[in-house]
C-alpha atoms as a PDB file:
ATOM      1  CA  MET A   1       5.810 -20.836 -10.716  1.00  0.00           C
ATOM      2  CA  ALA A   2       9.094 -18.670 -10.325  1.00  0.00           C
ATOM      3  CA  ASN A   3      12.250 -19.595 -12.360  1.00  0.00           C
ATOM      4  CA  ILE A   4      15.844 -18.700 -11.641  1.00  0.00           C
ATOM      5  CA  ARG A   5      18.082 -18.812 -14.679  1.00  0.00           C
ATOM      6  CA  GLY A   6      15.535 -20.878 -16.689  1.00  0.00           C
ATOM      7  CA  LYS A   7      15.080 -23.338 -13.999  1.00  0.00           C
ATOM      8  CA  SER A   8      12.366 -24.140 -11.647  1.00  0.00           C
ATOM      9  CA  LEU A   9      12.879 -23.529  -7.899  1.00  0.00           C
ATOM     10  CA  GLU A  10      12.674 -27.192  -7.028  1.00  0.00           C
ATOM     11  CA  ALA A  11      15.426 -27.871  -9.524  1.00  0.00           C
ATOM     12  CA  ILE A  12      17.550 -25.085  -8.051  1.00  0.00           C
ATOM     13  CA  ALA A  13      17.141 -26.556  -4.532  1.00  0.00           C
ATOM     14  CA  LYS A  14      18.177 -30.039  -5.816  1.00  0.00           C
ATOM     15  CA  ASP A  15      21.229 -28.469  -7.572  1.00  0.00           C
ATOM     16  CA  ILE A  16      22.094 -26.913  -4.272  1.00  0.00           C
ATOM     17  CA  SER A  17      21.766 -30.076  -2.447  1.00  0.00           C
ATOM     18  CA  ASP A  18      24.104 -31.823  -5.086  1.00  0.00           C
ATOM     19  CA  GLY A  19      26.579 -28.960  -4.763  1.00  0.00           C
ATOM     20  CA  TYR A  20      26.256 -27.750  -8.275  1.00  0.00           C
ATOM     21  CA  ILE A  21      24.978 -24.320  -7.000  1.00  0.00           C
ATOM     22  CA  THR A  22      26.500 -22.388  -4.212  1.00  0.00           C
ATOM     23  CA  VAL A  23      24.256 -19.943  -2.492  1.00  0.00           C
ATOM     24  CA  ASN A  24      25.881 -16.577  -1.536  1.00  0.00           C
ATOM     25  CA  PRO A  25      24.878 -12.904  -1.347  1.00  0.00           C
ATOM     26  CA  ILE A  26      26.039 -12.362  -4.989  1.00  0.00           C
ATOM     27  CA  PHE A  27      23.664 -15.383  -6.217  1.00  0.00           C
ATOM     28  CA  LEU A  28      20.846 -13.899  -4.146  1.00  0.00           C
ATOM     29  CA  LYS A  29      21.345 -10.203  -5.348  1.00  0.00           C
ATOM     30  CA  GLY A  30      19.604 -10.617  -8.589  1.00  0.00           C
ATOM     31  CA  LEU A  31      16.308 -12.377  -7.001  1.00  0.00           C
ATOM     32  CA  ASP A  32      13.263 -10.376  -6.163  1.00  0.00           C
ATOM     33  CA  VAL A  33      11.313 -10.799  -2.926  1.00  0.00           C
ATOM     34  CA  ASP A  34       8.962 -13.566  -4.395  1.00  0.00           C
ATOM     35  CA  ALA A  35      11.694 -15.618  -6.051  1.00  0.00           C
ATOM     36  CA  LEU A  36      13.732 -15.422  -2.680  1.00  0.00           C
ATOM     37  CA  LYS A  37      10.706 -16.676  -0.705  1.00  0.00           C
ATOM     38  CA  GLY A  38      10.025 -19.283  -3.201  1.00  0.00           C
ATOM     39  CA  LEU A  39      13.692 -20.458  -3.164  1.00  0.00           C
ATOM     40  CA  TYR A  40      13.612 -20.534   0.732  1.00  0.00           C
ATOM     41  CA  GLN A  41      10.417 -22.866   0.624  1.00  0.00           C
ATOM     42  CA  ALA A  42      11.757 -25.123  -2.048  1.00  0.00           C
ATOM     43  CA  ILE A  43      14.967 -25.678  -0.133  1.00  0.00           C
ATOM     44  CA  GLN A  44      12.878 -26.413   2.906  1.00  0.00           C
ATOM     45  CA  LYS A  45      10.758 -28.947   0.782  1.00  0.00           C
ATOM     46  CA  VAL A  46      13.883 -30.710  -0.648  1.00  0.00           C
ATOM     47  CA  GLN A  47      15.301 -30.834   3.005  1.00  0.00           C
ATOM     48  CA  SER A  48      12.383 -32.593   4.241  1.00  0.00           C
ATOM     49  CA  ILE A  49      12.249 -34.931   1.416  1.00  0.00           C
ATOM     50  CA  ILE A  50      15.915 -35.942   2.083  1.00  0.00           C
ATOM     51  CA  ARG A  51      15.122 -36.347   5.737  1.00  0.00           C
ATOM     52  CA  GLY A  52      12.138 -38.602   4.884  1.00  0.00           C
ATOM     53  CA  GLU A  53      14.077 -41.070   2.851  1.00  0.00           C
ATOM     54  CA  LYS A  54      15.072 -44.470   4.413  1.00  0.00           C
ATOM     55  CA  PHE A  55      18.357 -43.981   6.301  1.00  0.00           C
ATOM     56  CA  PRO A  56      21.229 -46.218   5.017  1.00  0.00           C
ATOM     57  CA  HIS A  57      22.500 -47.827   8.363  1.00  0.00           C
ATOM     58  CA  ASN A  58      25.213 -50.041   6.810  1.00  0.00           C
ATOM     59  CA  ASP A  59      26.494 -47.843   4.010  1.00  0.00           C
ATOM     60  CA  ILE A  60      28.891 -45.271   5.023  1.00  0.00           C
ATOM     61  CA  GLU A  61      29.262 -43.517   1.750  1.00  0.00           C
ATOM     62  CA  ALA A  62      25.458 -43.106   1.506  1.00  0.00           C
ATOM     63  CA  ILE A  63      25.363 -41.666   5.037  1.00  0.00           C
ATOM     64  CA  ARG A  64      28.081 -39.340   4.111  1.00  0.00           C
ATOM     65  CA  THR A  65      26.364 -38.174   0.942  1.00  0.00           C
ATOM     66  CA  ARG A  66      23.122 -37.675   2.718  1.00  0.00           C
ATOM     67  CA  ASN A  67      24.717 -35.568   5.407  1.00  0.00           C
ATOM     68  CA  MET A  68      26.443 -33.467   2.941  1.00  0.00           C
ATOM     69  CA  ARG A  69      23.222 -32.743   1.071  1.00  0.00           C
ATOM     70  CA  LEU A  70      21.546 -31.865   4.209  1.00  0.00           C
ATOM     71  CA  GLN A  71      24.658 -29.593   5.243  1.00  0.00           C
ATOM     72  CA  ARG A  72      24.496 -27.660   1.809  1.00  0.00           C
ATOM     73  CA  LEU A  73      20.682 -27.004   2.157  1.00  0.00           C
ATOM     74  CA  HIS A  74      21.168 -25.903   5.776  1.00  0.00           C
ATOM     75  CA  LEU A  75      23.981 -23.553   4.819  1.00  0.00           C
ATOM     76  CA  ALA A  76      21.931 -22.180   2.033  1.00  0.00           C
ATOM     77  CA  LEU A  77      19.013 -21.431   4.412  1.00  0.00           C
ATOM     78  CA  VAL A  78      21.223 -19.672   6.662  1.00  0.00           C
ATOM     79  CA  VAL A  79      22.514 -17.350   3.883  1.00  0.00           C
ATOM     80  CA  ILE A  80      19.120 -16.754   2.652  1.00  0.00           C
ATOM     81  CA  LYS A  81      17.926 -15.875   6.180  1.00  0.00           C
ATOM     82  CA  ASN A  82      20.888 -13.577   6.746  1.00  0.00           C
ATOM     83  CA  PHE A  83      20.447 -11.948   3.335  1.00  0.00           C
ATOM     84  CA  ALA A  84      16.579 -11.452   3.857  1.00  0.00           C
ATOM     85  CA  LYS A  85      17.266  -9.912   7.392  1.00  0.00           C
ATOM     86  CA  GLU A  86      19.686  -7.385   5.784  1.00  0.00           C
ATOM     87  CA  ARG A  87      17.164  -6.302   3.164  1.00  0.00           C
ATOM     88  CA  LYS A  88      14.291  -6.397   5.551  1.00  0.00           C
ATOM     89  CA  VAL A  89      12.383  -9.256   3.853  1.00  0.00           C
ATOM     90  CA  LEU A  90      10.062 -11.296   5.836  1.00  0.00           C
ATOM     91  CA  LEU A  91      10.454 -14.927   4.582  1.00  0.00           C
ATOM     92  CA  VAL A  92       7.419 -16.521   6.435  1.00  0.00           C
END
């Protein structure tokens, strides 16, 4: 199990979805290939968990929160993909 800054990859992915951590090239610079792949997979896992939760049809604030979490995770995946592409790292 890989750790980043003393936290598990799943905890980092949840923090990204909640907006506590922003993924950018500077954040990713210190990661090795295995940690980068693990973070990518952990973000995909958290993204599928959020999508699998029951959709809050009548609660506008809950819908907004859910969509913001998914948007943050999607943005993190895009940044990681582009970072890996520049470094010639195969994520899958």
